[in-house]
Amino acid sequence: MKKVKAVLLRADGTASRIEIKSGEDINKAVGGWLEVINFQGNVFVYINEEGKLLGLPLNNRATGLAYSRNIGLIPGDVIVGNVVFVGPADNDGNDTDVPEDFARELLGE
């Protein structure tokens, strides 16, 4: 996997740019097994697949973004724990850089 520019949105609402070099980097960022969600066409988000079972804290910001973009959460569902935003997979199935306009929005730039 090549280096990919991503944004880590922590459960406490803070966000930062990160570089990921492997799936293991994403596992560490979200704290466990990965589930990927199509967030809005050209943006994908990795979450901890077992986050709710593990009692991870509510990620209010990610949940609010998900509802505002109508990504298909069941009413009342929430996103927990840290999440990592990336771009869509390339032709080989590898993640790509998170779109810069979305990254700036998350980072308040």
C-alpha atoms as a PDB file:
ATOM      1  CA  MET A   1       0.000   0.000   0.000  1.00  0.00           C
ATOM      2  CA  LYS A   2       1.311   3.455  -0.843  1.00  0.00           C
ATOM      3  CA  LYS A   3       1.100   6.281   1.649  1.00  0.00           C
ATOM      4  CA  VAL A   4      -2.414   7.693   1.744  1.00  0.00           C
ATOM      5  CA  LYS A   5      -3.459  11.057   3.162  1.00  0.00           C
ATOM      6  CA  ALA A   6      -6.379  10.626   5.530  1.00  0.00           C
ATOM      7  CA  VAL A   7      -8.188  12.470   8.305  1.00  0.00           C
ATOM      8  CA  LEU A   8      -8.587  10.989  11.776  1.00  0.00           C
ATOM      9  CA  LEU A   9     -11.744  12.212  13.514  1.00  0.00           C
ATOM     10  CA  ARG A  10     -11.519  11.274  17.174  1.00  0.00           C
ATOM     11  CA  ALA A  11     -14.494  10.537  19.393  1.00  0.00           C
ATOM     12  CA  ASP A  12     -13.772  13.765  21.291  1.00  0.00           C
ATOM     13  CA  GLY A  13     -14.501  15.739  18.083  1.00  0.00           C
ATOM     14  CA  THR A  14     -10.915  16.720  17.280  1.00  0.00           C
ATOM     15  CA  ALA A  15      -9.537  16.004  13.826  1.00  0.00           C
ATOM     16  CA  SER A  16      -6.064  15.792  12.355  1.00  0.00           C
ATOM     17  CA  ARG A  17      -4.371  14.833   9.136  1.00  0.00           C
ATOM     18  CA  ILE A  18      -2.644  11.463   9.198  1.00  0.00           C
ATOM     19  CA  GLU A  19      -0.768   9.294   6.731  1.00  0.00           C
ATOM     20  CA  ILE A  20      -1.605   5.628   6.490  1.00  0.00           C
ATOM     21  CA  LYS A  21       0.733   3.060   5.012  1.00  0.00           C
ATOM     22  CA  SER A  22      -1.172  -0.135   5.800  1.00  0.00           C
ATOM     23  CA  GLY A  23      -4.423  -1.528   7.075  1.00  0.00           C
ATOM     24  CA  GLU A  24      -2.653  -1.971  10.386  1.00  0.00           C
ATOM     25  CA  ASP A  25      -2.269   1.831  10.644  1.00  0.00           C
ATOM     26  CA  ILE A  26      -6.034   2.182  10.261  1.00  0.00           C
ATOM     27  CA  ASN A  27      -6.656  -0.624  12.786  1.00  0.00           C
ATOM     28  CA  LYS A  28      -4.532   1.246  15.327  1.00  0.00           C
ATOM     29  CA  ALA A  29      -6.324   4.539  14.653  1.00  0.00           C
ATOM     30  CA  VAL A  30      -9.814   3.092  15.172  1.00  0.00           C
ATOM     31  CA  GLY A  31      -8.748   0.588  17.832  1.00  0.00           C
ATOM     32  CA  GLY A  32      -9.806  -2.681  16.287  1.00  0.00           C
ATOM     33  CA  TRP A  33     -11.394  -4.546  13.406  1.00  0.00           C
ATOM     34  CA  LEU A  34     -12.317  -2.413  10.409  1.00  0.00           C
ATOM     35  CA  GLU A  35     -15.631  -1.717   8.772  1.00  0.00           C
ATOM     36  CA  VAL A  36     -15.724   0.695   5.845  1.00  0.00           C
ATOM     37  CA  ILE A  37     -18.729   2.841   4.947  1.00  0.00           C
ATOM     38  CA  ASN A  38     -19.295   4.787   1.729  1.00  0.00           C
ATOM     39  CA  PHE A  39     -19.694   8.215   3.255  1.00  0.00           C
ATOM     40  CA  GLN A  40     -20.531  10.212   0.154  1.00  0.00           C
ATOM     41  CA  GLY A  41     -19.413   8.837  -3.185  1.00  0.00           C
ATOM     42  CA  ASN A  42     -15.808   9.976  -3.105  1.00  0.00           C
ATOM     43  CA  VAL A  43     -15.329   9.760   0.677  1.00  0.00           C
ATOM     44  CA  PHE A  44     -15.137   6.552   2.698  1.00  0.00           C
ATOM     45  CA  VAL A  45     -14.877   6.156   6.450  1.00  0.00           C
ATOM     46  CA  TYR A  46     -13.310   3.352   8.472  1.00  0.00           C
ATOM     47  CA  ILE A  47     -14.916   2.620  11.824  1.00  0.00           C
ATOM     48  CA  ASN A  48     -14.297   0.001  14.505  1.00  0.00           C
ATOM     49  CA  GLU A  49     -16.564  -2.899  13.541  1.00  0.00           C
ATOM     50  CA  GLU A  50     -17.029  -3.889  17.186  1.00  0.00           C
ATOM     51  CA  GLY A  51     -17.063  -0.372  18.609  1.00  0.00           C
ATOM     52  CA  LYS A  52     -20.528  -0.549  20.116  1.00  0.00           C
ATOM     53  CA  LEU A  53     -19.901  -3.991  21.628  1.00  0.00           C
ATOM     54  CA  LEU A  54     -16.688  -2.638  23.168  1.00  0.00           C
ATOM     55  CA  GLY A  55     -18.497   0.394  24.593  1.00  0.00           C
ATOM     56  CA  LEU A  56     -16.430   2.954  22.676  1.00  0.00           C
ATOM     57  CA  PRO A  57     -17.505   6.568  23.232  1.00  0.00           C
ATOM     58  CA  LEU A  58     -20.037   8.211  20.949  1.00  0.00           C
ATOM     59  CA  ASN A  59     -18.493  10.143  18.069  1.00  0.00           C
ATOM     60  CA  ASN A  60     -21.034  12.967  17.909  1.00  0.00           C
ATOM     61  CA  ARG A  61     -19.323  14.730  15.043  1.00  0.00           C
ATOM     62  CA  ALA A  62     -19.081  11.656  12.802  1.00  0.00           C
ATOM     63  CA  THR A  63     -22.675  10.705  13.610  1.00  0.00           C
ATOM     64  CA  GLY A  64     -23.916  14.215  12.791  1.00  0.00           C
ATOM     65  CA  LEU A  65     -21.999  14.228   9.520  1.00  0.00           C
ATOM     66  CA  ALA A  66     -23.445  10.829   8.624  1.00  0.00           C
ATOM     67  CA  TYR A  67     -27.016  11.991   9.196  1.00  0.00           C
ATOM     68  CA  SER A  68     -26.486  15.295   7.374  1.00  0.00           C
ATOM     69  CA  ARG A  69     -25.160  13.400   4.342  1.00  0.00           C
ATOM     70  CA  ASN A  70     -27.868  10.719   4.557  1.00  0.00           C
ATOM     71  CA  ILE A  71     -25.434   7.792   4.325  1.00  0.00           C
ATOM     72  CA  GLY A  72     -28.044   5.283   5.395  1.00  0.00           C
ATOM     73  CA  LEU A  73     -27.711   4.985   9.150  1.00  0.00           C
ATOM     74  CA  ILE A  74     -30.766   3.381  10.687  1.00  0.00           C
ATOM     75  CA  PRO A  75     -32.690   6.056  12.633  1.00  0.00           C
ATOM     76  CA  GLY A  76     -31.244   6.236  16.126  1.00  0.00           C
ATOM     77  CA  ASP A  77     -27.984   4.535  15.112  1.00  0.00           C
ATOM     78  CA  VAL A  78     -24.690   6.189  16.017  1.00  0.00           C
ATOM     79  CA  ILE A  79     -21.003   6.033  15.161  1.00  0.00           C
ATOM     80  CA  VAL A  80     -18.648   5.360  18.046  1.00  0.00           C
ATOM     81  CA  GLY A  81     -14.928   5.674  18.568  1.00  0.00           C
ATOM     82  CA  ASN A  82     -12.301   7.186  16.331  1.00  0.00           C
ATOM     83  CA  VAL A  83     -12.870   7.083  12.575  1.00  0.00           C
ATOM     84  CA  VAL A  84     -10.588   7.507   9.564  1.00  0.00           C
ATOM     85  CA  PHE A  85     -11.701   9.212   6.340  1.00  0.00           C
ATOM     86  CA  VAL A  86     -10.082   8.288   3.014  1.00  0.00           C
ATOM     87  CA  GLY A  87     -10.854   8.603  -0.676  1.00  0.00           C
ATOM     88  CA  PRO A  88     -12.372   5.883  -2.882  1.00  0.00           C
ATOM     89  CA  ALA A  89     -10.453   2.738  -3.772  1.00  0.00           C
ATOM     90  CA  ASP A  90      -8.385   2.811  -6.943  1.00  0.00           C
ATOM     91  CA  ASN A  91      -8.574   0.166  -9.691  1.00  0.00           C
ATOM     92  CA  ASP A  92      -6.395  -2.160  -7.591  1.00  0.00           C
ATOM     93  CA  GLY A  93      -8.609  -1.838  -4.512  1.00  0.00           C
ATOM     94  CA  ASN A  94      -6.213   0.415  -2.601  1.00  0.00           C
ATOM     95  CA  ASP A  95      -7.395   3.444  -0.652  1.00  0.00           C
ATOM     96  CA  THR A  96      -6.719   6.878  -2.100  1.00  0.00           C
ATOM     97  CA  ASP A  97      -6.200  10.266  -0.467  1.00  0.00           C
ATOM     98  CA  VAL A  98      -9.190  11.822   1.237  1.00  0.00           C
ATOM     99  CA  PRO A  99     -10.544  14.605  -1.007  1.00  0.00           C
ATOM    100  CA  GLU A 100      -8.902  17.867   0.022  1.00  0.00           C
ATOM    101  CA  ASP A 101     -12.162  19.857   0.205  1.00  0.00           C
ATOM    102  CA  PHE A 102     -13.622  17.304   2.624  1.00  0.00           C
ATOM    103  CA  ALA A 103     -10.415  17.263   4.678  1.00  0.00           C
ATOM    104  CA  ARG A 104     -10.507  21.064   4.992  1.00  0.00           C
ATOM    105  CA  GLU A 105     -14.147  20.937   6.066  1.00  0.00           C
ATOM    106  CA  LEU A 106     -13.362  18.414   8.830  1.00  0.00           C
ATOM    107  CA  LEU A 107     -10.316  20.377   9.958  1.00  0.00           C
ATOM    108  CA  GLY A 108     -12.061  23.754   9.871  1.00  0.00           C
ATOM    109  CA  GLU A 109      -9.543  25.189   7.422  1.00  0.00           C
END
